[in-house]
């Protein structure tokens, strides 16, 4: 792995574990096995490196979500695939974690990939709900944008509950509950 790649990956991990303030240039360099000169040769500074790391994390989340949402099947099956996909629940969402970081949220440039990714996810889910309505798989009473927001809120809230309890049980219960609600709003 090249030095810039090691720096980005180290920053991604540290942002997920410690947040922006807790991610010092020295910690990044140590984790990446890179010197200060290398870091500043490839990146203008911590904000530039953090932006590259956040963009990479956002791209990865989109790709993993699309891998689940893009499967063949009914709207319910596709949403179910997304909700039930493998996650490191107790670690939380690397993108969702950034929404709780005041330094990321206060910086328009750092916040942009986070906001864009969550907006993309809600839009993608809303389109699937709309398809399900049009095909008669889901109730026409469902409002796609509201169901999409509910799905994202269930996942993000499930991470919070799981981390607070130290168990994946709360996350799993939230997912099961949401799927049960969606199932009862199908056309069957």
C-alpha atoms as a PDB file:
ATOM      1  CA  UNK A   1       0.000   0.000   0.000  1.00  0.00           C
ATOM      2  CA  UNK A   2       1.354   3.427  -0.930  1.00  0.00           C
ATOM      3  CA  UNK A   3       2.094   6.054   1.692  1.00  0.00           C
ATOM      4  CA  UNK A   4      -0.945   8.201   0.783  1.00  0.00           C
ATOM      5  CA  UNK A   5      -3.160   5.095   1.018  1.00  0.00           C
ATOM      6  CA  UNK A   6      -1.720   4.160   4.415  1.00  0.00           C
ATOM      7  CA  UNK A   7      -2.309   7.708   5.637  1.00  0.00           C
ATOM      8  CA  UNK A   8      -5.922   7.717   4.430  1.00  0.00           C
ATOM      9  CA  UNK A   9      -6.654   4.306   5.939  1.00  0.00           C
ATOM     10  CA  UNK A  10      -5.053   5.256   9.251  1.00  0.00           C
ATOM     11  CA  UNK A  11      -7.090   8.456   9.339  1.00  0.00           C
ATOM     12  CA  UNK A  12     -10.305   6.579   8.569  1.00  0.00           C
ATOM     13  CA  UNK A  13      -9.707   4.208  11.471  1.00  0.00           C
ATOM     14  CA  UNK A  14      -8.767   6.977  13.872  1.00  0.00           C
ATOM     15  CA  UNK A  15     -11.746   9.139  12.918  1.00  0.00           C
ATOM     16  CA  UNK A  16     -14.042   6.169  13.559  1.00  0.00           C
ATOM     17  CA  UNK A  17     -12.431   5.392  16.915  1.00  0.00           C
ATOM     18  CA  UNK A  18     -11.535   8.842  18.251  1.00  0.00           C
ATOM     19  CA  UNK A  19     -13.294  11.512  16.205  1.00  0.00           C
ATOM     20  CA  UNK A  20     -11.673  14.485  14.539  1.00  0.00           C
ATOM     21  CA  UNK A  21     -10.211  16.183  17.615  1.00  0.00           C
ATOM     22  CA  UNK A  22      -8.827  12.892  18.929  1.00  0.00           C
ATOM     23  CA  UNK A  23      -7.130  12.186  15.621  1.00  0.00           C
ATOM     24  CA  UNK A  24      -3.816  13.982  15.835  1.00  0.00           C
ATOM     25  CA  UNK A  25      -1.330  14.184  12.967  1.00  0.00           C
ATOM     26  CA  UNK A  26       1.148  12.298  15.167  1.00  0.00           C
ATOM     27  CA  UNK A  27      -1.342   9.462  15.763  1.00  0.00           C
ATOM     28  CA  UNK A  28      -2.054   9.278  12.031  1.00  0.00           C
ATOM     29  CA  UNK A  29       1.657   9.111  11.222  1.00  0.00           C
ATOM     30  CA  UNK A  30       2.262   6.432  13.847  1.00  0.00           C
ATOM     31  CA  UNK A  31      -0.643   4.265  12.697  1.00  0.00           C
ATOM     32  CA  UNK A  32       0.310   4.688   9.036  1.00  0.00           C
ATOM     33  CA  UNK A  33       4.008   4.128   9.648  1.00  0.00           C
ATOM     34  CA  UNK A  34       4.749   7.396   7.850  1.00  0.00           C
ATOM     35  CA  UNK A  35       6.833  10.378   8.769  1.00  0.00           C
ATOM     36  CA  UNK A  36       5.677  13.949   9.119  1.00  0.00           C
ATOM     37  CA  UNK A  37       7.398  14.882   5.858  1.00  0.00           C
ATOM     38  CA  UNK A  38       5.523  12.166   3.977  1.00  0.00           C
ATOM     39  CA  UNK A  39       2.202  13.275   5.409  1.00  0.00           C
ATOM     40  CA  UNK A  40       2.689  16.897   4.462  1.00  0.00           C
ATOM     41  CA  UNK A  41       4.144  15.953   1.077  1.00  0.00           C
ATOM     42  CA  UNK A  42       0.903  14.188   0.120  1.00  0.00           C
ATOM     43  CA  UNK A  43      -1.660  16.265   2.042  1.00  0.00           C
ATOM     44  CA  UNK A  44      -1.881  19.970   2.891  1.00  0.00           C
ATOM     45  CA  UNK A  45      -2.613  19.124   6.518  1.00  0.00           C
ATOM     46  CA  UNK A  46      -4.964  17.292   8.823  1.00  0.00           C
ATOM     47  CA  UNK A  47      -8.164  18.807   7.316  1.00  0.00           C
ATOM     48  CA  UNK A  48      -7.100  17.764   3.795  1.00  0.00           C
ATOM     49  CA  UNK A  49      -6.260  14.236   4.932  1.00  0.00           C
ATOM     50  CA  UNK A  50      -9.462  13.996   6.983  1.00  0.00           C
ATOM     51  CA  UNK A  51     -11.496  15.035   3.941  1.00  0.00           C
ATOM     52  CA  UNK A  52      -9.865  12.303   1.834  1.00  0.00           C
ATOM     53  CA  UNK A  53     -10.581   9.771   4.603  1.00  0.00           C
ATOM     54  CA  UNK A  54     -14.204  10.886   5.025  1.00  0.00           C
ATOM     55  CA  UNK A  55     -14.770  10.715   1.266  1.00  0.00           C
ATOM     56  CA  UNK A  56     -13.324   7.192   1.189  1.00  0.00           C
ATOM     57  CA  UNK A  57     -15.524   6.115   4.103  1.00  0.00           C
ATOM     58  CA  UNK A  58     -18.583   7.620   2.401  1.00  0.00           C
ATOM     59  CA  UNK A  59     -17.775   5.854  -0.883  1.00  0.00           C
ATOM     60  CA  UNK A  60     -17.379   2.557   0.940  1.00  0.00           C
ATOM     61  CA  UNK A  61     -20.710   2.954   2.712  1.00  0.00           C
ATOM     62  CA  UNK A  62     -22.448   3.722  -0.590  1.00  0.00           C
ATOM     63  CA  UNK A  63     -20.876   0.689  -2.236  1.00  0.00           C
ATOM     64  CA  UNK A  64     -21.841  -1.692   0.576  1.00  0.00           C
ATOM     65  CA  UNK A  65     -25.374  -0.288   0.724  1.00  0.00           C
ATOM     66  CA  UNK A  66     -25.749  -0.572  -3.046  1.00  0.00           C
ATOM     67  CA  UNK A  67     -24.477  -4.149  -2.991  1.00  0.00           C
ATOM     68  CA  UNK A  68     -27.423  -5.015  -0.722  1.00  0.00           C
ATOM     69  CA  UNK A  69     -30.031  -2.720  -2.284  1.00  0.00           C
ATOM     70  CA  UNK A  70     -29.133  -3.622  -5.853  1.00  0.00           C
ATOM     71  CA  UNK A  71     -29.994  -7.312  -5.532  1.00  0.00           C
ATOM     72  CA  UNK A  72     -32.855  -8.799  -7.522  1.00  0.00           C
ATOM     73  CA  UNK A  73     -36.116  -9.180  -5.687  1.00  0.00           C
ATOM     74  CA  UNK A  74     -39.071  -7.371  -4.291  1.00  0.00           C
ATOM     75  CA  UNK A  75     -38.755  -4.019  -2.558  1.00  0.00           C
ATOM     76  CA  UNK A  76     -39.158  -5.783   0.785  1.00  0.00           C
ATOM     77  CA  UNK A  77     -36.421  -8.303  -0.068  1.00  0.00           C
ATOM     78  CA  UNK A  78     -34.034  -5.540  -1.139  1.00  0.00           C
ATOM     79  CA  UNK A  79     -34.671  -3.462   1.976  1.00  0.00           C
ATOM     80  CA  UNK A  80     -34.350  -6.602   4.066  1.00  0.00           C
ATOM     81  CA  UNK A  81     -31.003  -7.381   2.404  1.00  0.00           C
ATOM     82  CA  UNK A  82     -29.793  -3.900   3.348  1.00  0.00           C
ATOM     83  CA  UNK A  83     -31.032  -4.115   6.934  1.00  0.00           C
ATOM     84  CA  UNK A  84     -29.698  -7.635   7.504  1.00  0.00           C
ATOM     85  CA  UNK A  85     -26.310  -7.191   5.824  1.00  0.00           C
ATOM     86  CA  UNK A  86     -23.252  -7.876   7.928  1.00  0.00           C
ATOM     87  CA  UNK A  87     -22.161  -4.916  10.041  1.00  0.00           C
ATOM     88  CA  UNK A  88     -19.820  -4.243  12.929  1.00  0.00           C
ATOM     89  CA  UNK A  89     -22.796  -3.146  15.036  1.00  0.00           C
ATOM     90  CA  UNK A  90     -20.954  -2.526  18.287  1.00  0.00           C
ATOM     91  CA  UNK A  91     -18.474  -0.302  16.539  1.00  0.00           C
ATOM     92  CA  UNK A  92     -21.218   1.802  14.988  1.00  0.00           C
ATOM     93  CA  UNK A  93     -21.450   3.402  11.592  1.00  0.00           C
ATOM     94  CA  UNK A  94     -18.300   5.179  10.435  1.00  0.00           C
ATOM     95  CA  UNK A  95     -20.400   7.792   8.603  1.00  0.00           C
ATOM     96  CA  UNK A  96     -23.022   8.117  11.330  1.00  0.00           C
ATOM     97  CA  UNK A  97     -20.221   8.560  13.864  1.00  0.00           C
ATOM     98  CA  UNK A  98     -19.090  11.651  11.991  1.00  0.00           C
ATOM     99  CA  UNK A  99     -22.497  13.316  12.473  1.00  0.00           C
ATOM    100  CA  UNK A 100     -21.801  13.342  16.207  1.00  0.00           C
ATOM    101  CA  UNK A 101     -18.425  15.036  15.765  1.00  0.00           C
ATOM    102  CA  UNK A 102     -18.855  18.795  16.299  1.00  0.00           C
ATOM    103  CA  UNK A 103     -15.666  19.606  14.382  1.00  0.00           C
ATOM    104  CA  UNK A 104     -16.821  17.697  11.303  1.00  0.00           C
ATOM    105  CA  UNK A 105     -20.335  19.132  11.411  1.00  0.00           C
ATOM    106  CA  UNK A 106     -19.035  22.697  11.874  1.00  0.00           C
ATOM    107  CA  UNK A 107     -16.842  22.428   8.757  1.00  0.00           C
ATOM    108  CA  UNK A 108     -18.876  22.623   5.542  1.00  0.00           C
ATOM    109  CA  UNK A 109     -16.219  20.810   3.514  1.00  0.00           C
ATOM    110  CA  UNK A 110     -15.827  17.914   5.970  1.00  0.00           C
ATOM    111  CA  UNK A 111     -19.581  17.641   6.510  1.00  0.00           C
ATOM    112  CA  UNK A 112     -20.439  17.578   2.778  1.00  0.00           C
ATOM    113  CA  UNK A 113     -19.544  13.909   2.054  1.00  0.00           C
ATOM    114  CA  UNK A 114     -21.430  12.838   5.195  1.00  0.00           C
ATOM    115  CA  UNK A 115     -24.536  14.793   4.244  1.00  0.00           C
ATOM    116  CA  UNK A 116     -24.346  13.690   0.588  1.00  0.00           C
ATOM    117  CA  UNK A 117     -24.027  10.024   1.549  1.00  0.00           C
ATOM    118  CA  UNK A 118     -26.948  10.032   3.959  1.00  0.00           C
ATOM    119  CA  UNK A 119     -29.054  11.957   1.410  1.00  0.00           C
ATOM    120  CA  UNK A 120     -28.091   9.452  -1.291  1.00  0.00           C
ATOM    121  CA  UNK A 121     -29.070   6.560   0.987  1.00  0.00           C
ATOM    122  CA  UNK A 122     -32.463   8.074   1.806  1.00  0.00           C
ATOM    123  CA  UNK A 123     -33.061   8.744  -1.895  1.00  0.00           C
ATOM    124  CA  UNK A 124     -32.066   5.230  -2.902  1.00  0.00           C
ATOM    125  CA  UNK A 125     -34.328   3.692  -0.264  1.00  0.00           C
ATOM    126  CA  UNK A 126     -37.226   6.003  -1.191  1.00  0.00           C
ATOM    127  CA  UNK A 127     -36.921   4.922  -4.832  1.00  0.00           C
ATOM    128  CA  UNK A 128     -37.101   1.267  -3.806  1.00  0.00           C
ATOM    129  CA  UNK A 129     -40.176   1.926  -1.660  1.00  0.00           C
ATOM    130  CA  UNK A 130     -41.774   3.771  -4.591  1.00  0.00           C
ATOM    131  CA  UNK A 131     -41.019   0.815  -6.892  1.00  0.00           C
ATOM    132  CA  UNK A 132     -42.593  -1.488  -4.332  1.00  0.00           C
ATOM    133  CA  UNK A 133     -45.717   0.666  -4.227  1.00  0.00           C
ATOM    134  CA  UNK A 134     -45.963   0.751  -8.025  1.00  0.00           C
ATOM    135  CA  UNK A 135     -45.577  -3.044  -8.282  1.00  0.00           C
ATOM    136  CA  UNK A 136     -48.171  -3.646  -5.572  1.00  0.00           C
ATOM    137  CA  UNK A 137     -45.553  -5.102  -3.208  1.00  0.00           C
ATOM    138  CA  UNK A 138     -45.952  -2.352  -0.617  1.00  0.00           C
ATOM    139  CA  UNK A 139     -48.972  -0.361   0.497  1.00  0.00           C
ATOM    140  CA  UNK A 140     -49.642   2.818  -1.436  1.00  0.00           C
ATOM    141  CA  UNK A 141     -50.259   4.446   1.959  1.00  0.00           C
ATOM    142  CA  UNK A 142     -46.495   4.363   2.595  1.00  0.00           C
ATOM    143  CA  UNK A 143     -44.744   7.661   1.873  1.00  0.00           C
ATOM    144  CA  UNK A 144     -41.395   6.688   0.293  1.00  0.00           C
ATOM    145  CA  UNK A 145     -39.331   9.547   1.742  1.00  0.00           C
ATOM    146  CA  UNK A 146     -40.735   8.929   5.224  1.00  0.00           C
ATOM    147  CA  UNK A 147     -40.092   5.174   5.066  1.00  0.00           C
ATOM    148  CA  UNK A 148     -36.558   5.830   3.800  1.00  0.00           C
ATOM    149  CA  UNK A 149     -35.922   8.193   6.729  1.00  0.00           C
ATOM    150  CA  UNK A 150     -37.347   5.553   9.082  1.00  0.00           C
ATOM    151  CA  UNK A 151     -35.001   2.894   7.704  1.00  0.00           C
ATOM    152  CA  UNK A 152     -31.928   5.109   8.089  1.00  0.00           C
ATOM    153  CA  UNK A 153     -33.061   6.207  11.570  1.00  0.00           C
ATOM    154  CA  UNK A 154     -33.594   2.585  12.598  1.00  0.00           C
ATOM    155  CA  UNK A 155     -30.093   1.606  11.516  1.00  0.00           C
ATOM    156  CA  UNK A 156     -28.385   4.645  13.058  1.00  0.00           C
ATOM    157  CA  UNK A 157     -30.467   4.462  16.236  1.00  0.00           C
ATOM    158  CA  UNK A 158     -29.839   0.733  16.417  1.00  0.00           C
ATOM    159  CA  UNK A 159     -26.102   1.411  16.460  1.00  0.00           C
ATOM    160  CA  UNK A 160     -26.561   3.831  19.357  1.00  0.00           C
ATOM    161  CA  UNK A 161     -28.685   1.378  21.360  1.00  0.00           C
ATOM    162  CA  UNK A 162     -26.274  -1.479  20.694  1.00  0.00           C
ATOM    163  CA  UNK A 163     -23.235   0.554  21.727  1.00  0.00           C
ATOM    164  CA  UNK A 164     -24.989   1.790  24.861  1.00  0.00           C
ATOM    165  CA  UNK A 165     -25.911  -1.730  25.944  1.00  0.00           C
ATOM    166  CA  UNK A 166     -22.757  -3.445  24.690  1.00  0.00           C
ATOM    167  CA  UNK A 167     -24.936  -5.925  22.806  1.00  0.00           C
ATOM    168  CA  UNK A 168     -26.224  -6.249  19.257  1.00  0.00           C
ATOM    169  CA  UNK A 169     -29.646  -7.312  20.608  1.00  0.00           C
ATOM    170  CA  UNK A 170     -31.169  -3.824  20.459  1.00  0.00           C
ATOM    171  CA  UNK A 171     -29.979  -3.294  16.875  1.00  0.00           C
ATOM    172  CA  UNK A 172     -31.353  -6.681  15.840  1.00  0.00           C
ATOM    173  CA  UNK A 173     -34.682  -5.987  17.573  1.00  0.00           C
ATOM    174  CA  UNK A 174     -35.039  -2.653  15.774  1.00  0.00           C
ATOM    175  CA  UNK A 175     -34.357  -4.267  12.405  1.00  0.00           C
ATOM    176  CA  UNK A 176     -36.813  -7.108  13.096  1.00  0.00           C
ATOM    177  CA  UNK A 177     -39.460  -4.612  14.211  1.00  0.00           C
ATOM    178  CA  UNK A 178     -39.054  -2.452  11.119  1.00  0.00           C
ATOM    179  CA  UNK A 179     -39.173  -5.469   8.817  1.00  0.00           C
ATOM    180  CA  UNK A 180     -42.354  -6.656  10.560  1.00  0.00           C
ATOM    181  CA  UNK A 181     -43.935  -3.257   9.998  1.00  0.00           C
ATOM    182  CA  UNK A 182     -42.934  -3.263   6.340  1.00  0.00           C
ATOM    183  CA  UNK A 183     -44.194  -6.804   5.909  1.00  0.00           C
ATOM    184  CA  UNK A 184     -47.616  -5.865   7.311  1.00  0.00           C
ATOM    185  CA  UNK A 185     -47.739  -2.961   4.860  1.00  0.00           C
ATOM    186  CA  UNK A 186     -47.234  -5.200   1.848  1.00  0.00           C
ATOM    187  CA  UNK A 187     -50.007  -5.871  -0.622  1.00  0.00           C
ATOM    188  CA  UNK A 188     -50.487  -9.419   0.669  1.00  0.00           C
END
